[in-house]
Amino acid sequence: MIDKLESIVDRFRNLEEQLADPSVISNMDRFKKVNKEYKDLKEVVDVFLEYKKVVEHIQSARELLQEKDAELKQMAQAEMDELNPRKEELEEKLKFLLIPKDPDDSKDVLFEIRSGTGGDEASLFAGDLYRMYSKYFEKQGWKTEVLEINEGTVGGYNKLILEVSGNQVYGKLKFESGAHRVQRVPKTESQGRVHTSAVTVVVMPKLEMEDVNIVKSDLRVETFRSSGAGGQHVNKTESGVRFIHIPTGVVAESTDGRSQIQNRETAMQRLYRKIYEMQKSQHESTVAANRKSLVGSGDRSEKIRTYNYPQNRVTDHRINLTLHNLDQIIDGDLDLVIESLQVAENAEKLKASETEEV
């Protein structure tokens, strides 16, 4: 673990130097990429540096224990008693920080709420969930945009699709995909009987332009003489540039610029855009295909979470978490639920990584 942490510190120092490099600062895309990686590594580096200091102090205290002076030995033992628990605490924290991150966690999302079984009551509960999530998004400082909306016949919604953007959006919302079951007495129920309905939620990471990764060895480059205006320049030089992306067959070219350098840059940007659009289309097809696997049929029995109004109870069935503060949760206080799911995921990842090491 120490060797891995030392290499992370080396990378962090390298990124620090890059952030002070004028050529990086002047290139906004590159600067944002370097700065993001720098911020991602900062916490683990800070914890590791503190860990190293604690280890050094423990070693110094251990050496003092060899002294004959009783007062020095007593001071050294007191320092050891204080530092050893801190060392163990930092070791555990480092283990969790080294758990492989989901590369999608930092992405914005497409967030869908759809009424399932339960008729009008399901649509009304979809509206309640929309208000719950909207309040949570607002507390997180995230931005939302409604992309599609289909209102229910007596209120609420049959379907809502939102775009949610901000910091670590998918990392916090990915656990919400699935069937959400509600148990309560509907407003239309005259006998006071508790009904059970379901709403499905789908959370998918949004594909970004920066996700496009083009390997140089996958490209074939052709140059050719531009046609059109340009006089003798056009006839004498092959300023037109064409890129062929071999794995996908996507072709992009440019003859707009006067020089081959300008056209290479323009053609590459067009290639990125074309491959991005193609990947985006594939991504959307995957989203459609994955909807059913993520949420099942929307049936009441296929639930990830139950909201029981008579008992003011919320139960997340995946981690056996039960809370008796439904009124607060439905008001957007989802922190404890989501944090508990994150802890459970990290514990599973840590267990898996320890098994691999053995």
Protein backbone atom coordinates (compact mmCIF):
# COMPACT_ATOMS: atom_id res chain seq x y z
CA MET A 1 0.00 0.00 0.00
CA ILE A 2 2.86 2.38 0.86
CA ASP A 3 4.44 2.01 -2.60
CA LYS A 4 1.12 2.80 -4.23
CA LEU A 5 0.67 5.86 -2.01
CA GLU A 6 4.19 7.11 -2.78
CA SER A 7 3.46 6.88 -6.51
CA ILE A 8 0.24 8.85 -5.96
CA VAL A 9 2.24 11.58 -4.18
CA ASP A 10 4.69 11.69 -7.10
CA ARG A 11 1.80 12.09 -9.53
CA PHE A 12 0.25 14.78 -7.33
CA ARG A 13 3.52 16.77 -7.31
CA ASN A 14 3.73 16.45 -11.08
CA LEU A 15 0.18 17.78 -11.46
CA GLU A 16 1.07 20.66 -9.11
CA GLU A 17 3.92 21.62 -11.42
CA GLN A 18 1.65 21.38 -14.47
CA LEU A 19 -0.86 23.76 -12.89
CA ALA A 20 1.89 26.37 -12.68
CA ASP A 21 2.97 25.78 -16.28
CA PRO A 22 1.91 28.69 -18.58
CA SER A 23 1.26 26.29 -21.47
CA VAL A 24 -1.24 24.37 -19.35
CA ILE A 25 -2.84 27.51 -17.90
CA SER A 26 -3.41 28.91 -21.40
CA ASN A 27 -5.13 25.70 -22.58
CA MET A 28 -8.48 25.71 -20.76
CA ASP A 29 -9.42 22.11 -21.60
CA ARG A 30 -6.08 20.75 -20.46
CA PHE A 31 -6.07 22.95 -17.36
CA LYS A 32 -9.54 21.70 -16.32
CA LYS A 33 -8.46 18.09 -16.81
CA VAL A 34 -5.23 18.50 -14.81
CA ASN A 35 -7.00 20.49 -12.09
CA LYS A 36 -9.72 17.83 -11.73
CA GLU A 37 -7.15 15.04 -11.28
CA TYR A 38 -5.23 17.24 -8.82
CA LYS A 39 -8.37 17.77 -6.71
CA ASP A 40 -9.25 14.06 -6.88
CA LEU A 41 -5.82 13.11 -5.45
CA LYS A 42 -5.54 15.88 -2.84
CA GLU A 43 -7.44 14.16 -0.02
CA VAL A 44 -5.52 10.89 -0.21
CA VAL A 45 -2.20 12.80 -0.41
CA ASP A 46 -3.08 14.96 2.62
CA VAL A 47 -4.05 11.90 4.67
CA PHE A 48 -0.93 9.99 3.63
CA LEU A 49 1.37 12.89 4.52
CA GLU A 50 -0.26 13.10 7.95
CA TYR A 51 0.13 9.33 8.29
CA LYS A 52 3.87 9.57 7.52
CA LYS A 53 4.31 12.27 10.18
CA VAL A 54 2.51 10.14 12.76
CA VAL A 55 4.72 7.15 11.89
CA GLU A 56 7.85 9.32 12.25
CA HIS A 57 6.70 10.60 15.66
CA ILE A 58 5.96 7.03 16.80
CA GLN A 59 9.46 5.99 15.75
CA SER A 60 10.98 8.91 17.67
CA ALA A 61 8.92 8.04 20.74
CA ARG A 62 9.98 4.39 20.46
CA GLU A 63 13.64 5.47 20.51
CA LEU A 64 13.01 7.61 23.61
CA LEU A 65 11.66 4.55 25.39
CA GLN A 66 15.20 3.16 25.31
CA GLU A 67 16.48 6.08 27.39
CA LYS A 68 17.24 5.65 31.09
CA ASP A 69 15.51 8.88 32.12
CA ALA A 70 12.17 7.87 33.67
CA GLU A 71 10.47 11.17 32.85
CA LEU A 72 11.47 10.94 29.17
CA LYS A 73 10.23 7.34 29.03
CA GLN A 74 6.91 8.39 30.57
CA MET A 75 6.49 11.21 28.02
CA ALA A 76 7.39 8.86 25.18
CA GLN A 77 4.87 6.25 26.35
CA ALA A 78 2.14 8.90 26.62
CA GLU A 79 2.88 10.02 23.05
CA MET A 80 2.80 6.41 21.82
CA ASP A 81 -0.57 5.86 23.52
CA GLU A 82 -1.92 8.93 21.73
CA LEU A 83 -0.35 8.30 18.31
CA ASN A 84 -1.02 4.57 17.82
CA PRO A 85 -4.83 4.93 17.66
CA ARG A 86 -4.42 7.85 15.24
CA LYS A 87 -2.12 5.71 13.06
CA GLU A 88 -4.74 2.94 12.92
CA GLU A 89 -7.45 5.48 12.13
CA LEU A 90 -5.42 6.93 9.26
CA GLU A 91 -4.60 3.46 7.92
CA GLU A 92 -8.32 2.63 7.72
CA LYS A 93 -9.05 5.94 6.03
CA LEU A 94 -6.31 5.33 3.46
CA LYS A 95 -7.72 1.88 2.69
CA PHE A 96 -11.08 3.44 1.86
CA LEU A 97 -9.52 6.27 -0.14
CA LEU A 98 -7.63 3.72 -2.25
CA ILE A 99 -10.82 1.88 -3.17
CA PRO A 100 -11.13 2.22 -6.97
CA LYS A 101 -13.48 5.08 -7.84
CA ASP A 102 -16.31 4.66 -10.29
CA PRO A 103 -15.24 6.93 -13.20
CA ASP A 104 -18.90 7.85 -13.72
CA ASP A 105 -19.37 9.20 -10.17
CA SER A 106 -18.41 12.75 -11.12
CA LYS A 107 -20.78 12.87 -14.10
CA ASP A 108 -24.08 14.69 -14.52
CA VAL A 109 -27.13 12.49 -14.96
CA LEU A 110 -30.39 11.91 -16.78
CA PHE A 111 -32.94 11.29 -14.04
CA GLU A 112 -36.26 9.65 -14.82
CA ILE A 113 -39.32 9.22 -12.58
CA ARG A 114 -42.16 7.09 -13.94
CA SER A 115 -45.40 5.92 -12.29
CA GLY A 116 -45.73 2.13 -12.04
CA THR A 117 -48.55 -0.03 -10.67
CA GLY A 118 -51.17 1.74 -8.62
CA GLY A 119 -52.97 3.97 -11.12
CA ASP A 120 -53.60 7.56 -10.02
CA GLU A 121 -51.99 6.98 -6.62
CA ALA A 122 -48.73 5.99 -8.36
CA SER A 123 -48.81 9.24 -10.36
CA LEU A 124 -49.42 11.24 -7.17
CA PHE A 125 -46.50 9.51 -5.46
CA ALA A 126 -44.31 10.22 -8.52
CA GLY A 127 -45.10 13.89 -7.85
CA ASP A 128 -44.11 13.47 -4.18
CA LEU A 129 -40.80 11.86 -5.19
CA TYR A 130 -40.17 14.66 -7.67
CA ARG A 131 -40.60 17.24 -4.90
CA MET A 132 -38.41 15.17 -2.55
CA TYR A 133 -35.58 14.89 -5.07
CA SER A 134 -35.93 18.55 -6.14
CA LYS A 135 -35.38 19.67 -2.55
CA TYR A 136 -32.39 17.34 -2.23
CA PHE A 137 -30.89 18.65 -5.49
CA GLU A 138 -31.33 22.20 -4.23
CA LYS A 139 -29.57 21.40 -0.94
CA GLN A 140 -26.67 19.92 -2.93
CA GLY A 141 -26.40 23.07 -5.03
CA TRP A 142 -27.13 21.13 -8.24
CA LYS A 143 -28.86 22.53 -11.31
CA THR A 144 -31.86 20.79 -12.86
CA GLU A 145 -33.57 21.06 -16.22
CA VAL A 146 -36.86 19.34 -17.09
CA LEU A 147 -36.45 17.61 -20.46
CA GLU A 148 -39.80 15.80 -20.64
CA ILE A 149 -42.96 15.91 -18.56
CA ASN A 150 -46.22 13.95 -18.68
CA GLU A 151 -48.74 14.90 -16.01
CA GLY A 152 -51.16 12.46 -14.35
CA THR A 153 -54.93 12.77 -14.79
CA VAL A 154 -55.60 13.70 -11.13
CA GLY A 155 -52.25 15.29 -10.32
CA GLY A 156 -48.67 14.15 -10.03
CA TYR A 157 -46.83 12.74 -13.02
CA ASN A 158 -46.88 9.70 -15.24
CA LYS A 159 -43.36 10.47 -16.43
CA LEU A 160 -40.61 13.04 -15.78
CA ILE A 161 -37.13 13.22 -17.29
CA LEU A 162 -34.64 15.66 -15.80
CA GLU A 163 -31.04 16.58 -16.43
CA VAL A 164 -29.19 17.10 -13.14
CA SER A 165 -25.76 18.72 -13.15
CA GLY A 166 -23.28 19.57 -10.42
CA ASN A 167 -20.58 18.00 -8.26
CA GLN A 168 -20.53 14.18 -7.87
CA VAL A 169 -24.12 13.87 -9.06
CA TYR A 170 -24.04 10.27 -10.31
CA GLY A 171 -21.92 9.19 -7.32
CA LYS A 172 -24.79 10.14 -5.00
CA LEU A 173 -27.83 9.40 -7.15
CA LYS A 174 -26.84 6.06 -8.72
CA PHE A 175 -28.37 4.15 -5.79
CA GLU A 176 -31.83 5.59 -6.53
CA SER A 177 -32.45 3.45 -9.62
CA GLY A 178 -35.20 0.93 -8.97
CA ALA A 179 -38.79 0.55 -7.82
CA HIS A 180 -39.92 2.77 -4.95
CA ARG A 181 -42.96 1.38 -3.13
CA VAL A 182 -45.41 3.54 -1.17
CA GLN A 183 -47.88 2.33 1.44
CA ARG A 184 -50.51 4.87 2.50
CA VAL A 185 -54.19 5.75 2.47
CA PRO A 186 -54.95 7.52 -0.83
CA LYS A 187 -56.96 10.75 -0.72
CA THR A 188 -59.59 9.03 -2.85
CA GLU A 189 -59.97 6.11 -0.40
CA SER A 190 -63.21 6.51 1.56
CA GLN A 191 -62.76 3.41 3.76
CA GLY A 192 -59.37 4.48 5.11
CA ARG A 193 -57.59 1.42 3.73
CA VAL A 194 -53.84 1.44 3.09
CA HIS A 195 -52.95 0.97 -0.59
CA THR A 196 -49.61 -0.04 -2.08
CA SER A 197 -48.33 1.59 -5.27
CA ALA A 198 -44.98 1.84 -7.04
CA VAL A 199 -42.89 4.39 -8.92
CA THR A 200 -39.74 3.60 -10.87
CA VAL A 201 -36.63 5.77 -10.92
CA VAL A 202 -33.81 5.51 -13.46
CA VAL A 203 -30.48 7.30 -13.05
CA MET A 204 -27.98 7.16 -15.91
CA PRO A 205 -24.66 9.03 -16.21
CA LYS A 206 -24.63 11.61 -18.98
CA LEU A 207 -22.05 11.14 -21.72
CA GLU A 208 -19.75 14.16 -22.02
CA MET A 209 -17.49 15.32 -24.84
CA GLU A 210 -14.42 14.68 -22.66
CA ASP A 211 -15.38 10.98 -22.49
CA VAL A 212 -14.26 10.57 -26.09
CA ASN A 213 -10.85 8.94 -26.12
CA ILE A 214 -9.15 8.69 -29.51
CA VAL A 215 -5.92 6.69 -29.74
CA LYS A 216 -3.47 8.03 -32.34
CA SER A 217 -2.66 4.53 -33.59
CA ASP A 218 -6.34 4.15 -34.54
CA LEU A 219 -6.15 7.08 -36.95
CA ARG A 220 -5.24 7.22 -40.62
CA VAL A 221 -4.36 10.69 -41.88
CA GLU A 222 -4.66 11.82 -45.50
CA THR A 223 -3.71 15.16 -47.01
CA PHE A 224 -5.07 16.53 -50.27
CA ARG A 225 -5.27 19.69 -52.29
CA SER A 226 -8.11 21.98 -51.33
CA SER A 227 -10.68 22.95 -53.95
CA GLY A 228 -12.33 26.33 -54.32
CA ALA A 229 -10.89 29.76 -53.61
CA GLY A 230 -7.24 30.07 -52.78
CA GLY A 231 -5.39 30.78 -56.02
CA GLN A 232 -1.87 29.44 -56.40
CA HIS A 233 -1.75 28.38 -52.74
CA VAL A 234 -4.40 25.73 -53.35
CA ASN A 235 -2.71 24.36 -56.46
CA LYS A 236 0.74 24.02 -54.91
CA THR A 237 0.09 22.66 -51.39
CA GLU A 238 -1.90 19.82 -49.92
CA SER A 239 -3.48 21.84 -47.13
CA GLY A 240 -6.68 19.75 -46.85
CA VAL A 241 -6.61 17.15 -44.03
CA ARG A 242 -8.77 14.07 -43.60
CA PHE A 243 -8.86 11.80 -40.53
CA ILE A 244 -10.22 8.26 -40.69
CA HIS A 245 -10.95 6.59 -37.35
CA ILE A 246 -10.22 2.96 -38.25
CA PRO A 247 -12.24 1.16 -35.49
CA THR A 248 -15.47 3.03 -36.29
CA GLY A 249 -14.94 4.11 -39.90
CA VAL A 250 -15.81 7.71 -38.96
CA VAL A 251 -14.29 10.27 -41.37
CA ALA A 252 -13.74 13.98 -40.77
CA GLU A 253 -11.91 16.50 -42.92
CA SER A 254 -11.24 20.20 -43.26
CA THR A 255 -10.23 22.51 -46.07
CA ASP A 256 -11.36 25.69 -44.32
CA GLY A 257 -7.94 26.89 -43.15
CA ARG A 258 -5.12 28.34 -45.21
CA SER A 259 -2.56 26.00 -43.64
CA GLN A 260 -2.38 22.27 -43.04
CA ILE A 261 -1.87 22.91 -39.31
CA GLN A 262 -5.17 24.81 -39.08
CA ASN A 263 -6.98 22.13 -41.05
CA ARG A 264 -5.56 19.32 -38.89
CA GLU A 265 -6.92 20.99 -35.79
CA THR A 266 -10.34 21.64 -37.33
CA ALA A 267 -10.60 18.12 -38.76
CA MET A 268 -9.65 16.61 -35.38
CA GLN A 269 -12.34 18.65 -33.61
CA ARG A 270 -14.89 17.47 -36.16
CA LEU A 271 -13.77 13.88 -35.68
CA TYR A 272 -14.16 14.18 -31.90
CA ARG A 273 -17.64 15.62 -32.37
CA LYS A 274 -18.72 12.87 -34.80
CA ILE A 275 -17.44 10.07 -32.58
CA TYR A 276 -19.05 11.74 -29.57
CA GLU A 277 -22.42 11.90 -31.34
CA MET A 278 -22.09 8.26 -32.34
CA GLN A 279 -21.16 7.20 -28.80
CA LYS A 280 -23.97 9.35 -27.41
CA SER A 281 -26.47 7.57 -29.67
CA GLN A 282 -25.10 4.19 -28.56
CA HIS A 283 -25.24 5.36 -24.94
CA GLU A 284 -28.90 6.34 -25.29
CA SER A 285 -29.69 2.95 -26.80
CA THR A 286 -27.95 1.32 -23.85
CA VAL A 287 -30.00 3.48 -21.47
CA ALA A 288 -33.19 2.29 -23.12
CA ALA A 289 -32.04 -1.33 -22.98
CA ASN A 290 -30.96 -1.03 -19.35
CA ARG A 291 -34.16 0.61 -18.09
CA LYS A 292 -35.91 -2.70 -17.53
CA SER A 293 -32.87 -4.31 -15.88
CA LEU A 294 -32.53 -1.32 -13.56
CA VAL A 295 -36.14 -1.03 -12.47
CA GLY A 296 -37.80 -4.30 -13.42
CA SER A 297 -41.41 -4.06 -14.52
CA GLY A 298 -42.40 -1.37 -12.02
CA ASP A 299 -44.31 -3.96 -10.03
CA ARG A 300 -44.82 -3.42 -6.29
CA SER A 301 -42.85 -6.58 -5.43
CA GLU A 302 -39.67 -5.43 -7.21
CA LYS A 303 -38.84 -2.72 -4.71
CA ILE A 304 -35.57 -1.21 -3.52
CA ARG A 305 -37.23 1.07 -0.96
CA THR A 306 -40.56 1.29 0.85
CA TYR A 307 -42.16 4.49 2.12
CA ASN A 308 -44.74 3.57 4.78
CA TYR A 309 -46.78 6.64 5.73
CA PRO A 310 -48.86 5.19 8.61
CA GLN A 311 -45.64 4.14 10.40
CA ASN A 312 -43.59 7.21 9.28
CA ARG A 313 -41.06 4.62 8.12
CA VAL A 314 -38.63 4.33 5.22
CA THR A 315 -36.88 1.00 4.57
CA ASP A 316 -34.09 0.46 2.03
CA HIS A 317 -34.27 -3.26 1.37
CA ARG A 318 -30.80 -3.57 -0.18
CA ILE A 319 -28.94 -2.76 3.06
CA ASN A 320 -31.75 -3.49 5.56
CA LEU A 321 -31.81 0.16 6.62
CA THR A 322 -34.97 1.29 8.43
CA LEU A 323 -35.56 4.90 9.49
CA HIS A 324 -38.59 6.33 11.24
CA ASN A 325 -38.43 9.85 9.81
CA LEU A 326 -40.30 9.55 6.53
CA ASP A 327 -41.64 13.08 6.98
CA GLN A 328 -38.08 14.47 6.90
CA ILE A 329 -36.90 12.20 4.08
CA ILE A 330 -39.86 13.07 1.84
CA ASP A 331 -38.93 16.71 2.53
CA GLY A 332 -35.55 16.15 0.84
CA ASP A 333 -33.41 14.99 3.79
CA LEU A 334 -31.83 12.05 1.96
CA ASP A 335 -28.28 12.40 3.29
CA LEU A 336 -28.37 9.51 5.77
CA VAL A 337 -29.97 7.12 3.27
CA ILE A 338 -27.49 7.92 0.48
CA GLU A 339 -24.45 7.98 2.79
CA SER A 340 -25.44 4.55 4.19
CA LEU A 341 -25.62 3.16 0.65
CA GLN A 342 -22.22 4.67 -0.19
CA VAL A 343 -20.67 3.13 2.94
CA ALA A 344 -22.14 -0.26 2.04
CA GLU A 345 -20.76 -0.01 -1.51
CA ASN A 346 -17.30 0.96 -0.25
CA ALA A 347 -17.31 -1.89 2.26
CA GLU A 348 -18.08 -4.34 -0.55
CA LYS A 349 -15.33 -2.88 -2.74
CA LEU A 350 -12.85 -3.03 0.15
CA LYS A 351 -13.78 -6.64 0.85
CA ALA A 352 -13.31 -7.50 -2.82
CA SER A 353 -9.91 -5.77 -3.02
CA GLU A 354 -8.69 -7.54 0.13
CA THR A 355 -9.79 -10.89 -1.31
CA GLU A 356 -7.86 -10.16 -4.52
CA GLU A 357 -4.72 -9.32 -2.53
CA VAL A 358 -4.94 -12.62 -0.63
